[in-house]
Amino acid sequence: RVASESRAGVVTHDAGGARHFAADAVEAMAMHAGFGRGHPVIGISTALVRWAPDTRFNSHTHPGGEEILVLQGLFRDEQGEYPAGTWLRSPRWSRHTPFTGAEGALIYVKVGHLGARFLMPRAA
């Protein structure tokens, strides 16, 4: 399975207004999203992401950094393997190619917040 940010999926909203994204390889529930007009900080988001077993995501860069807490399973990238309870903090402009093995993974992820003062939109 290969997942990517451009992969077609289904976006739904639950009764509380939480945004959910599902494709055959990953399922994400946005906890906080700073994307779009009118939001004070653009590019910062937090989500719970369930990775199906044997899923590989395209290599990508995090301009505003990324923090991950592995809640279940085993999350991996080219740097190593991260079991439940592992906290990862990747700096601004870090790049990786994440994937899972047979056990899949559930992660809590926050992106775009490291150095956010430099990512704030300029006043008009």
PDB file of N, CA and C in Angstrom:
ATOM      1  N   ARG A   1       0.833  -1.175   0.000  1.00  0.00           N
ATOM      2  CA  ARG A   1       0.000   0.000   0.000  1.00  0.00           C
ATOM      3  C   ARG A   1       0.875   1.234   0.000  1.00  0.00           C
ATOM      4  N   VAL A   2       0.488   2.201  -0.765  1.00  0.00           N
ATOM      5  CA  VAL A   2       1.195   3.472  -0.787  1.00  0.00           C
ATOM      6  C   VAL A   2       0.185   4.574  -0.531  1.00  0.00           C
ATOM      7  N   ALA A   3       0.475   5.444   0.406  1.00  0.00           N
ATOM      8  CA  ALA A   3      -0.384   6.588   0.703  1.00  0.00           C
ATOM      9  C   ALA A   3       0.368   7.851   0.338  1.00  0.00           C
ATOM     10  N   SER A   4      -0.358   8.863  -0.048  1.00  0.00           N
ATOM     11  CA  SER A   4       0.281  10.144  -0.318  1.00  0.00           C
ATOM     12  C   SER A   4      -0.702  11.258  -0.030  1.00  0.00           C
ATOM     13  N   GLU A   5      -0.182  12.468   0.078  1.00  0.00           N
ATOM     14  CA  GLU A   5      -1.042  13.600   0.378  1.00  0.00           C
ATOM     15  C   GLU A   5      -2.026  13.870  -0.746  1.00  0.00           C
ATOM     16  N   SER A   6      -1.737  13.430  -1.950  1.00  0.00           N
ATOM     17  CA  SER A   6      -2.635  13.681  -3.066  1.00  0.00           C
ATOM     18  C   SER A   6      -3.566  12.503  -3.343  1.00  0.00           C
ATOM     19  N   ARG A   7      -3.431  11.438  -2.582  1.00  0.00           N
ATOM     20  CA  ARG A   7      -4.236  10.248  -2.803  1.00  0.00           C
ATOM     21  C   ARG A   7      -5.711  10.548  -2.552  1.00  0.00           C
ATOM     22  N   ALA A   8      -6.569  10.049  -3.410  1.00  0.00           N
ATOM     23  CA  ALA A   8      -8.007  10.267  -3.243  1.00  0.00           C
ATOM     24  C   ALA A   8      -8.479   9.566  -1.974  1.00  0.00           C
ATOM     25  N   GLY A   9      -9.359  10.197  -1.269  1.00  0.00           N
ATOM     26  CA  GLY A   9      -9.903   9.642  -0.046  1.00  0.00           C
ATOM     27  C   GLY A   9     -11.254  10.261   0.221  1.00  0.00           C
ATOM     28  N   VAL A  10     -11.820   9.946   1.370  1.00  0.00           N
ATOM     29  CA  VAL A  10     -13.130  10.446   1.748  1.00  0.00           C
ATOM     30  C   VAL A  10     -12.961  11.335   2.977  1.00  0.00           C
ATOM     31  N   VAL A  11     -13.487  12.543   2.915  1.00  0.00           N
ATOM     32  CA  VAL A  11     -13.462  13.456   4.048  1.00  0.00           C
ATOM     33  C   VAL A  11     -14.866  13.542   4.617  1.00  0.00           C
ATOM     34  N   THR A  12     -14.998  13.304   5.923  1.00  0.00           N
ATOM     35  CA  THR A  12     -16.289  13.409   6.596  1.00  0.00           C
ATOM     36  C   THR A  12     -16.122  14.252   7.844  1.00  0.00           C
ATOM     37  N   HIS A  13     -17.236  14.667   8.422  1.00  0.00           N
ATOM     38  CA  HIS A  13     -17.230  15.417   9.677  1.00  0.00           C
ATOM     39  C   HIS A  13     -18.181  14.718  10.635  1.00  0.00           C
ATOM     40  N   ASP A  14     -17.755  14.545  11.892  1.00  0.00           N
ATOM     41  CA  ASP A  14     -18.642  13.908  12.860  1.00  0.00           C
ATOM     42  C   ASP A  14     -19.572  14.948  13.478  1.00  0.00           C
ATOM     43  N   ALA A  15     -20.431  14.514  14.390  1.00  0.00           N
ATOM     44  CA  ALA A  15     -21.424  15.398  14.999  1.00  0.00           C
ATOM     45  C   ALA A  15     -20.790  16.586  15.710  1.00  0.00           C
ATOM     46  N   GLY A  16     -19.591  16.427  16.220  1.00  0.00           N
ATOM     47  CA  GLY A  16     -18.896  17.507  16.899  1.00  0.00           C
ATOM     48  C   GLY A  16     -18.131  18.420  15.959  1.00  0.00           C
ATOM     49  N   GLY A  17     -18.174  18.130  14.661  1.00  0.00           N
ATOM     50  CA  GLY A  17     -17.489  18.954  13.678  1.00  0.00           C
ATOM     51  C   GLY A  17     -16.064  18.535  13.388  1.00  0.00           C
ATOM     52  N   ALA A  18     -15.582  17.453  14.033  1.00  0.00           N
ATOM     53  CA  ALA A  18     -14.214  17.001  13.781  1.00  0.00           C
ATOM     54  C   ALA A  18     -14.104  16.471  12.352  1.00  0.00           C
ATOM     55  N   ARG A  19     -12.982  16.790  11.702  1.00  0.00           N
ATOM     56  CA  ARG A  19     -12.737  16.367  10.333  1.00  0.00           C
ATOM     57  C   ARG A  19     -12.034  15.015  10.333  1.00  0.00           C
ATOM     58  N   HIS A  20     -12.500  14.107   9.487  1.00  0.00           N
ATOM     59  CA  HIS A  20     -11.898  12.782   9.349  1.00  0.00           C
ATOM     60  C   HIS A  20     -11.519  12.577   7.888  1.00  0.00           C
ATOM     61  N   PHE A  21     -10.364  11.970   7.658  1.00  0.00           N
ATOM     62  CA  PHE A  21      -9.934  11.614   6.311  1.00  0.00           C
ATOM     63  C   PHE A  21      -9.668  10.121   6.299  1.00  0.00           C
ATOM     64  N   ALA A  22     -10.146   9.415   5.282  1.00  0.00           N
ATOM     65  CA  ALA A  22      -9.882   7.981   5.180  1.00  0.00           C
ATOM     66  C   ALA A  22      -9.552   7.614   3.744  1.00  0.00           C
ATOM     67  N   ALA A  23      -8.525   6.846   3.584  1.00  0.00           N
ATOM     68  CA  ALA A  23      -8.171   6.201   2.322  1.00  0.00           C
ATOM     69  C   ALA A  23      -7.927   4.749   2.701  1.00  0.00           C
ATOM     70  N   ASP A  24      -7.562   3.910   1.779  1.00  0.00           N
ATOM     71  CA  ASP A  24      -7.393   2.502   2.141  1.00  0.00           C
ATOM     72  C   ASP A  24      -6.154   2.241   2.992  1.00  0.00           C
ATOM     73  N   ALA A  25      -5.235   3.200   3.084  1.00  0.00           N
ATOM     74  CA  ALA A  25      -3.993   2.965   3.819  1.00  0.00           C
ATOM     75  C   ALA A  25      -3.865   3.777   5.106  1.00  0.00           C
ATOM     76  N   VAL A  26      -4.452   4.960   5.166  1.00  0.00           N
ATOM     77  CA  VAL A  26      -4.381   5.795   6.356  1.00  0.00           C
ATOM     78  C   VAL A  26      -5.748   6.386   6.661  1.00  0.00           C
ATOM     79  N   GLU A  27      -5.986   6.611   7.947  1.00  0.00           N
ATOM     80  CA  GLU A  27      -7.213   7.279   8.381  1.00  0.00           C
ATOM     81  C   GLU A  27      -6.804   8.333   9.392  1.00  0.00           C
ATOM     82  N   ALA A  28      -7.223   9.567   9.175  1.00  0.00           N
ATOM     83  CA  ALA A  28      -6.818  10.666  10.052  1.00  0.00           C
ATOM     84  C   ALA A  28      -8.030  11.411  10.590  1.00  0.00           C
ATOM     85  N   MET A  29      -7.950  11.786  11.861  1.00  0.00           N
ATOM     86  CA  MET A  29      -8.965  12.639  12.464  1.00  0.00           C
ATOM     87  C   MET A  29      -8.260  13.905  12.913  1.00  0.00           C
ATOM     88  N   ALA A  30      -8.590  15.020  12.273  1.00  0.00           N
ATOM     89  CA  ALA A  30      -7.973  16.293  12.625  1.00  0.00           C
ATOM     90  C   ALA A  30      -8.420  16.721  14.010  1.00  0.00           C
ATOM     91  N   MET A  31      -7.456  17.051  14.852  1.00  0.00           N
ATOM     92  CA  MET A  31      -7.746  17.542  16.189  1.00  0.00           C
ATOM     93  C   MET A  31      -7.719  19.071  16.179  1.00  0.00           C
ATOM     94  N   HIS A  32      -6.862  19.631  15.343  1.00  0.00           N
ATOM     95  CA  HIS A  32      -6.707  21.068  15.197  1.00  0.00           C
ATOM     96  C   HIS A  32      -6.095  21.286  13.830  1.00  0.00           C
ATOM     97  N   ALA A  33      -6.704  22.130  13.040  1.00  0.00           N
ATOM     98  CA  ALA A  33      -6.141  22.415  11.720  1.00  0.00           C
ATOM     99  C   ALA A  33      -6.046  23.912  11.533  1.00  0.00           C
ATOM    100  N   GLY A  34      -4.891  24.376  11.155  1.00  0.00           N
ATOM    101  CA  GLY A  34      -4.670  25.793  10.946  1.00  0.00           C
ATOM    102  C   GLY A  34      -4.557  26.138   9.481  1.00  0.00           C
ATOM    103  N   PHE A  35      -5.298  25.452   8.662  1.00  0.00           N
ATOM    104  CA  PHE A  35      -5.231  25.708   7.231  1.00  0.00           C
ATOM    105  C   PHE A  35      -6.405  26.572   6.809  1.00  0.00           C
ATOM    106  N   GLY A  36      -6.171  27.516   5.952  1.00  0.00           N
ATOM    107  CA  GLY A  36      -7.268  28.278   5.373  1.00  0.00           C
ATOM    108  C   GLY A  36      -7.351  29.710   5.845  1.00  0.00           C
ATOM    109  N   ARG A  37      -8.133  30.450   5.136  1.00  0.00           N
ATOM    110  CA  ARG A  37      -8.308  31.870   5.436  1.00  0.00           C
ATOM    111  C   ARG A  37      -9.008  32.069   6.763  1.00  0.00           C
ATOM    112  N   GLY A  38      -8.653  33.153   7.414  1.00  0.00           N
ATOM    113  CA  GLY A  38      -9.324  33.509   8.648  1.00  0.00           C
ATOM    114  C   GLY A  38      -8.767  32.817   9.875  1.00  0.00           C
ATOM    115  N   HIS A  39      -7.850  31.871   9.684  1.00  0.00           N
ATOM    116  CA  HIS A  39      -7.268  31.191  10.838  1.00  0.00           C
ATOM    117  C   HIS A  39      -6.003  31.942  11.230  1.00  0.00           C
ATOM    118  N   PRO A  40      -5.780  32.156  12.531  1.00  0.00           N
ATOM    119  CA  PRO A  40      -4.636  32.961  12.950  1.00  0.00           C
ATOM    120  C   PRO A  40      -3.275  32.373  12.605  1.00  0.00           C
ATOM    121  N   VAL A  41      -3.131  31.078  12.535  1.00  0.00           N
ATOM    122  CA  VAL A  41      -1.852  30.457  12.200  1.00  0.00           C
ATOM    123  C   VAL A  41      -2.090  29.458  11.077  1.00  0.00           C
ATOM    124  N   ILE A  42      -1.506  29.708   9.928  1.00  0.00           N
ATOM    125  CA  ILE A  42      -1.699  28.831   8.776  1.00  0.00           C
ATOM    126  C   ILE A  42      -0.580  27.798   8.741  1.00  0.00           C
ATOM    127  N   GLY A  43      -0.945  26.545   8.531  1.00  0.00           N
ATOM    128  CA  GLY A  43       0.044  25.489   8.371  1.00  0.00           C
ATOM    129  C   GLY A  43       0.310  24.655   9.595  1.00  0.00           C
ATOM    130  N   ILE A  44      -0.354  24.939  10.714  1.00  0.00           N
ATOM    131  CA  ILE A  44      -0.183  24.134  11.916  1.00  0.00           C
ATOM    132  C   ILE A  44      -1.385  23.202  12.033  1.00  0.00           C
ATOM    133  N   SER A  45      -1.121  21.914  12.208  1.00  0.00           N
ATOM    134  CA  SER A  45      -2.228  20.982  12.392  1.00  0.00           C
ATOM    135  C   SER A  45      -1.827  19.846  13.325  1.00  0.00           C
ATOM    136  N   THR A  46      -2.845  19.277  13.958  1.00  0.00           N
ATOM    137  CA  THR A  46      -2.671  18.169  14.883  1.00  0.00           C
ATOM    138  C   THR A  46      -3.713  17.115  14.530  1.00  0.00           C
ATOM    139  N   ALA A  47      -3.319  15.849  14.525  1.00  0.00           N
ATOM    140  CA  ALA A  47      -4.259  14.799  14.146  1.00  0.00           C
ATOM    141  C   ALA A  47      -3.886  13.466  14.782  1.00  0.00           C
ATOM    142  N   LEU A  48      -4.896  12.618  14.919  1.00  0.00           N
ATOM    143  CA  LEU A  48      -4.681  11.206  15.206  1.00  0.00           C
ATOM    144  C   LEU A  48      -4.677  10.513  13.855  1.00  0.00           C
ATOM    145  N   VAL A  49      -3.667   9.698  13.592  1.00  0.00           N
ATOM    146  CA  VAL A  49      -3.559   9.040  12.295  1.00  0.00           C
ATOM    147  C   VAL A  49      -3.363   7.552  12.507  1.00  0.00           C
ATOM    148  N   ARG A  50      -4.279   6.766  11.947  1.00  0.00           N
ATOM    149  CA  ARG A  50      -4.159   5.306  11.990  1.00  0.00           C
ATOM    150  C   ARG A  50      -3.579   4.836  10.661  1.00  0.00           C
ATOM    151  N   TRP A  51      -2.434   4.170  10.752  1.00  0.00           N
ATOM    152  CA  TRP A  51      -1.759   3.610   9.584  1.00  0.00           C
ATOM    153  C   TRP A  51      -2.125   2.138   9.466  1.00  0.00           C
ATOM    154  N   ALA A  52      -2.632   1.730   8.330  1.00  0.00           N
ATOM    155  CA  ALA A  52      -2.923   0.323   8.077  1.00  0.00           C
ATOM    156  C   ALA A  52      -1.597  -0.448   8.031  1.00  0.00           C
ATOM    157  N   PRO A  53      -1.649  -1.743   8.259  1.00  0.00           N
ATOM    158  CA  PRO A  53      -0.425  -2.549   8.130  1.00  0.00           C
ATOM    159  C   PRO A  53       0.188  -2.419   6.732  1.00  0.00           C
ATOM    160  N   ASP A  54       1.498  -2.493   6.692  1.00  0.00           N
ATOM    161  CA  ASP A  54       2.254  -2.497   5.432  1.00  0.00           C
ATOM    162  C   ASP A  54       1.935  -1.308   4.537  1.00  0.00           C
ATOM    163  N   THR A  55       1.974  -0.115   5.124  1.00  0.00           N
ATOM    164  CA  THR A  55       1.699   1.121   4.388  1.00  0.00           C
ATOM    165  C   THR A  55       2.983   1.927   4.263  1.00  0.00           C
ATOM    166  N   ARG A  56       3.196   2.489   3.100  1.00  0.00           N
ATOM    167  CA  ARG A  56       4.372   3.330   2.853  1.00  0.00           C
ATOM    168  C   ARG A  56       3.880   4.680   2.340  1.00  0.00           C
ATOM    169  N   PHE A  57       4.387   5.766   2.911  1.00  0.00           N
ATOM    170  CA  PHE A  57       4.003   7.121   2.518  1.00  0.00           C
ATOM    171  C   PHE A  57       5.129   7.714   1.685  1.00  0.00           C
ATOM    172  N   ASN A  58       4.788   8.578   0.758  1.00  0.00           N
ATOM    173  CA  ASN A  58       5.803   9.240  -0.064  1.00  0.00           C
ATOM    174  C   ASN A  58       6.759  10.066   0.804  1.00  0.00           C
ATOM    175  N   SER A  59       7.981  10.199   0.345  1.00  0.00           N
ATOM    176  CA  SER A  59       8.954  11.054   1.009  1.00  0.00           C
ATOM    177  C   SER A  59       8.428  12.488   0.982  1.00  0.00           C
ATOM    178  N   HIS A  60       8.552  13.184   2.115  1.00  0.00           N
ATOM    179  CA  HIS A  60       8.037  14.549   2.190  1.00  0.00           C
ATOM    180  C   HIS A  60       8.822  15.363   3.213  1.00  0.00           C
ATOM    181  N   THR A  61       8.672  16.683   3.122  1.00  0.00           N
ATOM    182  CA  THR A  61       9.374  17.637   3.972  1.00  0.00           C
ATOM    183  C   THR A  61       8.380  18.348   4.877  1.00  0.00           C
ATOM    184  N   HIS A  62       8.811  18.659   6.107  1.00  0.00           N
ATOM    185  CA  HIS A  62       7.999  19.400   7.066  1.00  0.00           C
ATOM    186  C   HIS A  62       8.648  20.758   7.303  1.00  0.00           C
ATOM    187  N   PRO A  63       8.229  21.804   6.560  1.00  0.00           N
ATOM    188  CA  PRO A  63       8.834  23.130   6.722  1.00  0.00           C
ATOM    189  C   PRO A  63       8.754  23.650   8.157  1.00  0.00           C
ATOM    190  N   GLY A  64       7.667  23.338   8.855  1.00  0.00           N
ATOM    191  CA  GLY A  64       7.493  23.805  10.226  1.00  0.00           C
ATOM    192  C   GLY A  64       7.744  22.735  11.262  1.00  0.00           C
ATOM    193  N   GLY A  65       8.490  21.701  10.899  1.00  0.00           N
ATOM    194  CA  GLY A  65       8.797  20.619  11.827  1.00  0.00           C
ATOM    195  C   GLY A  65       7.631  19.673  12.046  1.00  0.00           C
ATOM    196  N   GLU A  66       7.883  18.640  12.856  1.00  0.00           N
ATOM    197  CA  GLU A  66       6.871  17.627  13.141  1.00  0.00           C
ATOM    198  C   GLU A  66       7.186  16.973  14.475  1.00  0.00           C
ATOM    199  N   GLU A  67       6.132  16.701  15.244  1.00  0.00           N
ATOM    200  CA  GLU A  67       6.267  15.911  16.460  1.00  0.00           C
ATOM    201  C   GLU A  67       5.264  14.774  16.378  1.00  0.00           C
ATOM    202  N   ILE A  68       5.706  13.586  16.767  1.00  0.00           N
ATOM    203  CA  ILE A  68       4.870  12.386  16.714  1.00  0.00           C
ATOM    204  C   ILE A  68       4.962  11.651  18.041  1.00  0.00           C
ATOM    205  N   LEU A  69       3.827  11.219  18.552  1.00  0.00           N
ATOM    206  CA  LEU A  69       3.767  10.301  19.685  1.00  0.00           C
ATOM    207  C   LEU A  69       3.149   9.016  19.157  1.00  0.00           C
ATOM    208  N   VAL A  70       3.874   7.929  19.227  1.00  0.00           N
ATOM    209  CA  VAL A  70       3.368   6.637  18.765  1.00  0.00           C
ATOM    210  C   VAL A  70       2.499   6.059  19.883  1.00  0.00           C
ATOM    211  N   LEU A  71       1.222   5.851  19.596  1.00  0.00           N
ATOM    212  CA  LEU A  71       0.277   5.364  20.595  1.00  0.00           C
ATOM    213  C   LEU A  71       0.107   3.851  20.561  1.00  0.00           C
ATOM    214  N   GLN A  72       0.125   3.280  19.363  1.00  0.00           N
ATOM    215  CA  GLN A  72      -0.011   1.819  19.205  1.00  0.00           C
ATOM    216  C   GLN A  72       0.825   1.375  18.020  1.00  0.00           C
ATOM    217  N   GLY A  73       1.222   0.120  18.032  1.00  0.00           N
ATOM    218  CA  GLY A  73       1.931  -0.459  16.896  1.00  0.00           C
ATOM    219  C   GLY A  73       3.385  -0.032  16.826  1.00  0.00           C
ATOM    220  N   LEU A  74       3.901  -0.030  15.611  1.00  0.00           N
ATOM    221  CA  LEU A  74       5.306   0.295  15.362  1.00  0.00           C
ATOM    222  C   LEU A  74       5.374   1.192  14.134  1.00  0.00           C
ATOM    223  N   PHE A  75       5.782   2.434  14.332  1.00  0.00           N
ATOM    224  CA  PHE A  75       5.917   3.414  13.264  1.00  0.00           C
ATOM    225  C   PHE A  75       7.376   3.402  12.816  1.00  0.00           C
ATOM    226  N   ARG A  76       7.621   3.563  11.527  1.00  0.00           N
ATOM    227  CA  ARG A  76       8.983   3.477  11.009  1.00  0.00           C
ATOM    228  C   ARG A  76       9.255   4.572   9.988  1.00  0.00           C
ATOM    229  N   ASP A  77      10.525   4.898   9.814  1.00  0.00           N
ATOM    230  CA  ASP A  77      10.997   5.667   8.666  1.00  0.00           C
ATOM    231  C   ASP A  77      12.427   5.215   8.403  1.00  0.00           C
ATOM    232  N   GLU A  78      13.096   5.874   7.481  1.00  0.00           N
ATOM    233  CA  GLU A  78      14.445   5.430   7.118  1.00  0.00           C
ATOM    234  C   GLU A  78      15.460   5.609   8.243  1.00  0.00           C
ATOM    235  N   GLN A  79      15.086   6.332   9.310  1.00  0.00           N
ATOM    236  CA  GLN A  79      15.981   6.538  10.447  1.00  0.00           C
ATOM    237  C   GLN A  79      15.851   5.465  11.526  1.00  0.00           C
ATOM    238  N   GLY A  80      14.702   4.741  11.538  1.00  0.00           N
ATOM    239  CA  GLY A  80      14.541   3.724  12.572  1.00  0.00           C
ATOM    240  C   GLY A  80      13.124   3.247  12.772  1.00  0.00           C
ATOM    241  N   GLU A  81      12.932   2.523  13.877  1.00  0.00           N
ATOM    242  CA  GLU A  81      11.632   1.963  14.261  1.00  0.00           C
ATOM    243  C   GLU A  81      11.238   2.561  15.606  1.00  0.00           C
ATOM    244  N   TYR A  82       9.948   2.912  15.741  1.00  0.00           N
ATOM    245  CA  TYR A  82       9.486   3.621  16.924  1.00  0.00           C
ATOM    246  C   TYR A  82       8.260   2.920  17.511  1.00  0.00           C
ATOM    247  N   PRO A  83       8.422   2.207  18.619  1.00  0.00           N
ATOM    248  CA  PRO A  83       7.299   1.482  19.232  1.00  0.00           C
ATOM    249  C   PRO A  83       6.387   2.427  20.023  1.00  0.00           C
ATOM    250  N   ALA A  84       5.246   1.905  20.452  1.00  0.00           N
ATOM    251  CA  ALA A  84       4.304   2.677  21.260  1.00  0.00           C
ATOM    252  C   ALA A  84       5.034   3.321  22.432  1.00  0.00           C
ATOM    253  N   GLY A  85       4.712   4.579  22.695  1.00  0.00           N
ATOM    254  CA  GLY A  85       5.349   5.333  23.771  1.00  0.00           C
ATOM    255  C   GLY A  85       6.505   6.203  23.303  1.00  0.00           C
ATOM    256  N   THR A  86       6.919   6.063  22.049  1.00  0.00           N
ATOM    257  CA  THR A  86       8.032   6.846  21.523  1.00  0.00           C
ATOM    258  C   THR A  86       7.555   8.237  21.104  1.00  0.00           C
ATOM    259  N   TRP A  87       8.332   9.254  21.478  1.00  0.00           N
ATOM    260  CA  TRP A  87       8.072  10.638  21.079  1.00  0.00           C
ATOM    261  C   TRP A  87       9.170  11.046  20.111  1.00  0.00           C
ATOM    262  N   LEU A  88       8.781  11.523  18.933  1.00  0.00           N
ATOM    263  CA  LEU A  88       9.738  11.984  17.923  1.00  0.00           C
ATOM    264  C   LEU A  88       9.566  13.477  17.731  1.00  0.00           C
ATOM    265  N   ARG A  89      10.654  14.186  17.653  1.00  0.00           N
ATOM    266  CA  ARG A  89      10.607  15.623  17.361  1.00  0.00           C
ATOM    267  C   ARG A  89      11.577  15.879  16.215  1.00  0.00           C
ATOM    268  N   SER A  90      11.026  16.222  15.061  1.00  0.00           N
ATOM    269  CA  SER A  90      11.835  16.478  13.869  1.00  0.00           C
ATOM    270  C   SER A  90      11.870  17.980  13.616  1.00  0.00           C
ATOM    271  N   PRO A  91      13.049  18.535  13.368  1.00  0.00           N
ATOM    272  CA  PRO A  91      13.182  19.987  13.221  1.00  0.00           C
ATOM    273  C   PRO A  91      12.550  20.517  11.938  1.00  0.00           C
ATOM    274  N   ARG A  92      12.495  21.840  11.866  1.00  0.00           N
ATOM    275  CA  ARG A  92      12.007  22.496  10.650  1.00  0.00           C
ATOM    276  C   ARG A  92      12.798  21.988   9.455  1.00  0.00           C
ATOM    277  N   TRP A  93      12.105  21.821   8.353  1.00  0.00           N
ATOM    278  CA  TRP A  93      12.665  21.385   7.077  1.00  0.00           C
ATOM    279  C   TRP A  93      13.185  19.950   7.099  1.00  0.00           C
ATOM    280  N   SER A  94      12.774  19.178   8.091  1.00  0.00           N
ATOM    281  CA  SER A  94      13.172  17.766   8.101  1.00  0.00           C
ATOM    282  C   SER A  94      12.406  17.012   7.019  1.00  0.00           C
ATOM    283  N   ARG A  95      13.004  15.924   6.560  1.00  0.00           N
ATOM    284  CA  ARG A  95      12.425  15.122   5.470  1.00  0.00           C
ATOM    285  C   ARG A  95      12.479  13.664   5.882  1.00  0.00           C
ATOM    286  N   HIS A  96      11.406  12.909   5.565  1.00  0.00           N
ATOM    287  CA  HIS A  96      11.422  11.472   5.844  1.00  0.00           C
ATOM    288  C   HIS A  96      10.441  10.731   4.946  1.00  0.00           C
ATOM    289  N   THR A  97      10.551   9.409   4.988  1.00  0.00           N
ATOM    290  CA  THR A  97       9.680   8.525   4.229  1.00  0.00           C
ATOM    291  C   THR A  97       9.112   7.498   5.206  1.00  0.00           C
ATOM    292  N   PRO A  98       7.978   7.818   5.859  1.00  0.00           N
ATOM    293  CA  PRO A  98       7.439   6.924   6.888  1.00  0.00           C
ATOM    294  C   PRO A  98       6.729   5.710   6.303  1.00  0.00           C
ATOM    295  N   PHE A  99       6.672   4.640   7.130  1.00  0.00           N
ATOM    296  CA  PHE A  99       5.983   3.419   6.720  1.00  0.00           C
ATOM    297  C   PHE A  99       5.661   2.576   7.947  1.00  0.00           C
ATOM    298  N   THR A 100       4.837   1.567   7.733  1.00  0.00           N
ATOM    299  CA  THR A 100       4.518   0.600   8.787  1.00  0.00           C
ATOM    300  C   THR A 100       4.755  -0.808   8.269  1.00  0.00           C
ATOM    301  N   GLY A 101       4.877  -1.738   9.214  1.00  0.00           N
ATOM    302  CA  GLY A 101       4.993  -3.149   8.890  1.00  0.00           C
ATOM    303  C   GLY A 101       3.657  -3.829   9.138  1.00  0.00           C
ATOM    304  N   ALA A 102       3.704  -5.100   9.447  1.00  0.00           N
ATOM    305  CA  ALA A 102       2.499  -5.923   9.601  1.00  0.00           C
ATOM    306  C   ALA A 102       1.587  -5.458  10.733  1.00  0.00           C
ATOM    307  N   GLU A 103       2.140  -4.773  11.739  1.00  0.00           N
ATOM    308  CA  GLU A 103       1.330  -4.375  12.895  1.00  0.00           C
ATOM    309  C   GLU A 103       0.615  -3.041  12.720  1.00  0.00           C
ATOM    310  N   GLY A 104       0.961  -2.239  11.712  1.00  0.00           N
ATOM    311  CA  GLY A 104       0.351  -0.923  11.546  1.00  0.00           C
ATOM    312  C   GLY A 104       0.736  -0.010  12.703  1.00  0.00           C
ATOM    313  N   ALA A 105       0.094   1.152  12.808  1.00  0.00           N
ATOM    314  CA  ALA A 105       0.402   2.091  13.886  1.00  0.00           C
ATOM    315  C   ALA A 105      -0.717   3.107  14.059  1.00  0.00           C
ATOM    316  N   LEU A 106      -0.814   3.621  15.271  1.00  0.00           N
ATOM    317  CA  LEU A 106      -1.678   4.756  15.576  1.00  0.00           C
ATOM    318  C   LEU A 106      -0.760   5.824  16.147  1.00  0.00           C
ATOM    319  N   ILE A 107      -0.761   7.024  15.526  1.00  0.00           N
ATOM    320  CA  ILE A 107       0.113   8.097  15.981  1.00  0.00           C
ATOM    321  C   ILE A 107      -0.686   9.370  16.234  1.00  0.00           C
ATOM    322  N   TYR A 108      -0.169  10.176  17.155  1.00  0.00           N
ATOM    323  CA  TYR A 108      -0.659  11.532  17.389  1.00  0.00           C
ATOM    324  C   TYR A 108       0.415  12.413  16.779  1.00  0.00           C
ATOM    325  N   VAL A 109       0.057  13.250  15.823  1.00  0.00           N
ATOM    326  CA  VAL A 109       1.062  14.023  15.090  1.00  0.00           C
ATOM    327  C   VAL A 109       0.692  15.500  15.060  1.00  0.00           C
ATOM    328  N   LYS A 110       1.712  16.339  15.227  1.00  0.00           N
ATOM    329  CA  LYS A 110       1.540  17.784  15.115  1.00  0.00           C
ATOM    330  C   LYS A 110       2.608  18.291  14.165  1.00  0.00           C
ATOM    331  N   VAL A 111       2.198  19.091  13.186  1.00  0.00           N
ATOM    332  CA  VAL A 111       3.141  19.626  12.196  1.00  0.00           C
ATOM    333  C   VAL A 111       2.999  21.138  12.089  1.00  0.00           C
ATOM    334  N   GLY A 112       4.081  21.777  11.700  1.00  0.00           N
ATOM    335  CA  GLY A 112       4.062  23.188  11.362  1.00  0.00           C
ATOM    336  C   GLY A 112       4.262  24.161  12.502  1.00  0.00           C
ATOM    337  N   HIS A 113       4.424  23.688  13.717  1.00  0.00           N
ATOM    338  CA  HIS A 113       4.468  24.576  14.877  1.00  0.00           C
ATOM    339  C   HIS A 113       5.867  24.966  15.326  1.00  0.00           C
ATOM    340  N   LEU A 114       6.870  24.258  14.887  1.00  0.00           N
ATOM    341  CA  LEU A 114       8.236  24.578  15.316  1.00  0.00           C
ATOM    342  C   LEU A 114       8.742  25.778  14.523  1.00  0.00           C
ATOM    343  N   GLY A 115       9.065  26.823  15.215  1.00  0.00           N
ATOM    344  CA  GLY A 115       9.470  28.059  14.546  1.00  0.00           C
ATOM    345  C   GLY A 115       8.288  28.779  13.924  1.00  0.00           C
ATOM    346  N   ALA A 116       7.087  28.551  14.446  1.00  0.00           N
ATOM    347  CA  ALA A 116       5.872  29.100  13.841  1.00  0.00           C
ATOM    348  C   ALA A 116       5.893  30.605  13.699  1.00  0.00           C
ATOM    349  N   ARG A 117       6.606  31.293  14.562  1.00  0.00           N
ATOM    350  CA  ARG A 117       6.642  32.755  14.438  1.00  0.00           C
ATOM    351  C   ARG A 117       7.205  33.176  13.086  1.00  0.00           C
ATOM    352  N   PHE A 118       8.010  32.323  12.478  1.00  0.00           N
ATOM    353  CA  PHE A 118       8.561  32.614  11.166  1.00  0.00           C
ATOM    354  C   PHE A 118       7.609  32.210  10.047  1.00  0.00           C
ATOM    355  N   LEU A 119       6.588  31.432  10.383  1.00  0.00           N
ATOM    356  CA  LEU A 119       5.656  30.953   9.379  1.00  0.00           C
ATOM    357  C   LEU A 119       4.350  31.755   9.370  1.00  0.00           C
ATOM    358  N   MET A 120       4.209  32.697  10.282  1.00  0.00           N
ATOM    359  CA  MET A 120       2.992  33.499  10.363  1.00  0.00           C
ATOM    360  C   MET A 120       2.834  34.330   9.098  1.00  0.00           C
ATOM    361  N   PRO A 121       1.593  34.451   8.600  1.00  0.00           N
ATOM    362  CA  PRO A 121       1.381  35.302   7.409  1.00  0.00           C
ATOM    363  C   PRO A 121       1.643  36.765   7.777  1.00  0.00           C
ATOM    364  N   ARG A 122       2.139  37.500   6.835  1.00  0.00           N
ATOM    365  CA  ARG A 122       2.420  38.923   7.070  1.00  0.00           C
ATOM    366  C   ARG A 122       1.124  39.718   7.056  1.00  0.00           C
ATOM    367  N   ALA A 123       1.070  40.719   7.884  1.00  0.00           N
ATOM    368  CA  ALA A 123      -0.109  41.594   7.922  1.00  0.00           C
ATOM    369  C   ALA A 123      -0.231  42.336   6.606  1.00  0.00           C
ATOM    370  N   ALA A 124      -1.470  42.486   6.165  1.00  0.00           N
ATOM    371  CA  ALA A 124      -1.707  43.162   4.876  1.00  0.00           C
ATOM    372  C   ALA A 124      -1.535  44.652   4.987  1.00  0.00           C
TER     373      ALA A 124
END
